[in-house]
Amino acid sequence: MKMKKRKIIFWVGVAAVIIVAAVLVVFFWARDEKAEMRSSGITAVYMTTGDVYFGKMDWFPWPRLRNVWYIQRGVDAKQQPQVSLAPFKDVFWTPIDEIRLNPKEIIFWTTVRDGSEMAQALKNPEAFKQSQQAALQNAGTSPESEFKGPSGQPPATP
């Protein structure tokens, strides 16, 4: 009887050690992965129209983006493609800074990484705007030669 109890205690101990080891491995593996993929809280939404919007996403009761930015496409005077990031609230009809999305029109959505250039631009639009202007000057172009939006003014770049 004593021998049987010892065997049971031994196997319960072995099982406990294996379970604890497995939990630790999963915990540290998940922690490393999360550090690498840390979220900025900014969501990118790709629509069936080809438009890409960025902002803070809520899903209830309907998909909604707040603090919305979008990718603005066009061509410059030399017919070169131009892409810029613009705040949605600054378009010519001055909407509120929120978009309610039709879920049937969303192709995919993803969370932007915290350390990405996009996340930094959306968190600090003024610094991004200054860095873009410096890059344009270094490239020998000026912001005035950029694609002009519907109002005839250069698009607002963060």
Protein backbone atom coordinates (compact mmCIF):
# COMPACT_ATOMS: atom_id res chain seq x y z
CA MET A 1 0.00 0.00 0.00
CA LYS A 2 2.82 2.41 0.90
CA MET A 3 4.53 1.61 -2.38
CA LYS A 4 1.37 2.42 -4.34
CA LYS A 5 0.99 5.80 -2.58
CA ARG A 6 4.61 6.68 -3.36
CA LYS A 7 4.11 5.85 -7.04
CA ILE A 8 1.00 8.00 -7.20
CA ILE A 9 2.73 10.90 -5.45
CA PHE A 10 5.73 10.52 -7.77
CA TRP A 11 3.59 10.61 -10.95
CA VAL A 12 1.49 13.52 -9.67
CA GLY A 13 4.74 15.42 -8.99
CA VAL A 14 6.07 14.63 -12.48
CA ALA A 15 2.80 15.78 -14.05
CA ALA A 16 2.86 19.01 -12.00
CA VAL A 17 6.44 19.77 -13.09
CA ILE A 18 5.53 19.17 -16.75
CA ILE A 19 2.46 21.40 -16.49
CA VAL A 20 4.41 24.21 -14.79
CA ALA A 21 7.18 23.96 -17.41
CA ALA A 22 4.64 24.08 -20.26
CA VAL A 23 2.90 27.12 -18.76
CA LEU A 24 6.24 28.94 -18.37
CA VAL A 25 7.27 28.16 -21.96
CA VAL A 26 3.95 29.41 -23.34
CA PHE A 27 4.05 32.52 -21.13
CA PHE A 28 7.56 33.57 -22.19
CA TRP A 29 6.97 32.70 -25.84
CA ALA A 30 3.79 34.80 -25.94
CA ARG A 31 5.47 37.67 -24.11
CA ASP A 32 8.33 37.82 -26.63
CA GLU A 33 5.89 37.72 -29.54
CA LYS A 34 3.78 40.50 -28.02
CA ALA A 35 6.82 42.71 -27.51
CA GLU A 36 7.69 42.31 -31.17
CA MET A 37 4.14 42.99 -32.35
CA ARG A 38 3.14 45.66 -29.83
CA SER A 39 0.05 47.50 -30.99
CA SER A 40 -0.12 51.24 -31.44
CA GLY A 41 -3.89 51.27 -30.99
CA ILE A 42 -4.18 52.50 -34.58
CA THR A 43 -6.11 50.39 -37.07
CA ALA A 44 -5.66 50.38 -40.84
CA VAL A 45 -8.82 49.55 -42.80
CA TYR A 46 -8.71 48.64 -46.50
CA MET A 47 -12.03 49.19 -48.29
CA THR A 48 -13.46 47.67 -51.49
CA THR A 49 -13.08 51.11 -53.11
CA GLY A 50 -9.30 50.89 -52.68
CA ASP A 51 -9.29 53.56 -49.98
CA VAL A 52 -7.17 53.00 -46.89
CA TYR A 53 -8.17 54.67 -43.63
CA PHE A 54 -6.29 54.83 -40.33
CA GLY A 55 -7.62 55.62 -36.88
CA LYS A 56 -8.96 54.32 -33.58
CA MET A 57 -11.39 51.48 -34.34
CA ASP A 58 -14.60 50.63 -32.47
CA TRP A 59 -16.82 47.75 -33.57
CA PHE A 60 -20.03 48.21 -31.59
CA PRO A 61 -22.72 48.72 -32.73
CA TRP A 62 -21.20 49.41 -36.17
CA PRO A 63 -17.57 49.63 -37.37
CA ARG A 64 -16.36 53.15 -36.68
CA LEU A 65 -13.01 54.95 -36.98
CA ARG A 66 -12.16 58.02 -34.91
CA ASN A 67 -9.17 60.35 -35.38
CA VAL A 68 -9.27 59.36 -39.05
CA TRP A 69 -6.45 59.74 -41.57
CA TYR A 70 -6.43 58.49 -45.13
CA ILE A 71 -4.00 57.92 -47.96
CA GLN A 72 -4.47 60.58 -50.62
CA ARG A 73 -3.31 59.67 -54.13
CA GLY A 74 -2.74 61.88 -57.14
CA VAL A 75 -0.19 63.03 -59.70
CA ASP A 76 2.04 66.09 -59.77
CA ALA A 77 2.63 68.46 -62.71
CA LYS A 78 5.16 65.99 -64.17
CA GLN A 79 2.57 63.16 -64.02
CA GLN A 80 4.52 61.46 -61.24
CA PRO A 81 2.39 59.57 -58.72
CA GLN A 82 2.10 61.30 -55.38
CA VAL A 83 0.92 59.73 -52.14
CA SER A 84 0.35 61.62 -48.92
CA LEU A 85 -1.25 61.05 -45.56
CA ALA A 86 -4.05 63.48 -44.74
CA PRO A 87 -6.44 63.97 -41.83
CA PHE A 88 -10.01 63.19 -42.87
CA LYS A 89 -11.38 66.19 -40.96
CA ASP A 90 -9.45 68.54 -43.28
CA VAL A 91 -11.15 67.52 -46.54
CA PHE A 92 -13.01 70.38 -48.23
CA TRP A 93 -16.47 69.56 -46.76
CA THR A 94 -15.02 69.55 -43.19
CA PRO A 95 -16.64 66.44 -41.72
CA ILE A 96 -16.41 65.43 -38.08
CA ASP A 97 -13.39 63.30 -37.23
CA GLU A 98 -15.27 60.00 -37.39
CA ILE A 99 -16.26 57.53 -40.10
CA ARG A 100 -18.91 54.84 -39.75
CA LEU A 101 -18.01 51.98 -42.07
CA ASN A 102 -20.17 49.48 -43.89
CA PRO A 103 -18.81 46.10 -42.72
CA LYS A 104 -19.62 44.59 -46.13
CA GLU A 105 -17.21 47.08 -47.75
CA ILE A 106 -14.22 46.25 -45.51
CA ILE A 107 -11.78 43.92 -47.27
CA PHE A 108 -9.43 43.66 -44.29
CA TRP A 109 -8.24 45.52 -41.25
CA THR A 110 -5.07 45.29 -39.21
CA THR A 111 -3.45 46.96 -36.25
CA VAL A 112 -0.46 49.19 -36.95
CA ARG A 113 2.72 48.35 -35.02
CA ASP A 114 3.70 50.82 -32.34
CA GLY A 115 7.21 51.50 -33.67
CA SER A 116 6.19 51.95 -37.31
CA GLU A 117 6.62 55.18 -39.23
CA MET A 118 2.84 55.35 -39.71
CA ALA A 119 2.16 55.10 -35.96
CA GLN A 120 4.73 57.80 -35.23
CA ALA A 121 3.24 60.06 -37.91
CA LEU A 122 -0.28 59.71 -36.53
CA LYS A 123 0.82 60.21 -32.93
CA ASN A 124 2.85 63.33 -33.73
CA PRO A 125 1.54 64.90 -36.97
CA GLU A 126 3.57 68.12 -36.68
CA ALA A 127 6.90 66.29 -36.43
CA PHE A 128 5.91 64.12 -39.39
CA LYS A 129 4.99 67.19 -41.46
CA GLN A 130 8.35 68.81 -40.71
CA SER A 131 10.26 65.64 -41.61
CA GLN A 132 8.31 65.34 -44.89
CA GLN A 133 9.06 68.97 -45.80
CA ALA A 134 12.75 68.43 -45.02
CA ALA A 135 12.77 65.29 -47.19
CA LEU A 136 11.14 67.20 -50.06
CA GLN A 137 13.70 70.01 -49.79
CA ASN A 138 16.56 67.50 -49.75
CA ALA A 139 15.10 65.85 -52.86
CA GLY A 140 15.06 69.20 -54.66
CA THR A 141 11.30 69.65 -54.65
CA SER A 142 9.09 71.91 -52.64
CA PRO A 143 5.74 71.25 -51.00
CA GLU A 144 4.15 73.65 -53.52
CA SER A 145 4.98 71.23 -56.35
CA GLU A 146 3.14 68.38 -54.64
CA PHE A 147 -0.24 67.05 -55.65
CA LYS A 148 -2.90 69.62 -54.91
CA GLY A 149 -6.14 68.44 -53.35
CA PRO A 150 -9.66 69.38 -54.42
CA SER A 151 -9.42 72.87 -52.89
CA GLY A 152 -6.32 73.70 -54.94
CA GLN A 153 -4.20 73.81 -51.81
CA PRO A 154 -1.46 71.27 -51.06
CA PRO A 155 -2.92 68.46 -48.98
CA ALA A 156 -2.43 68.72 -45.26
CA THR A 157 0.38 66.39 -44.33
CA PRO A 158 1.01 65.59 -40.73
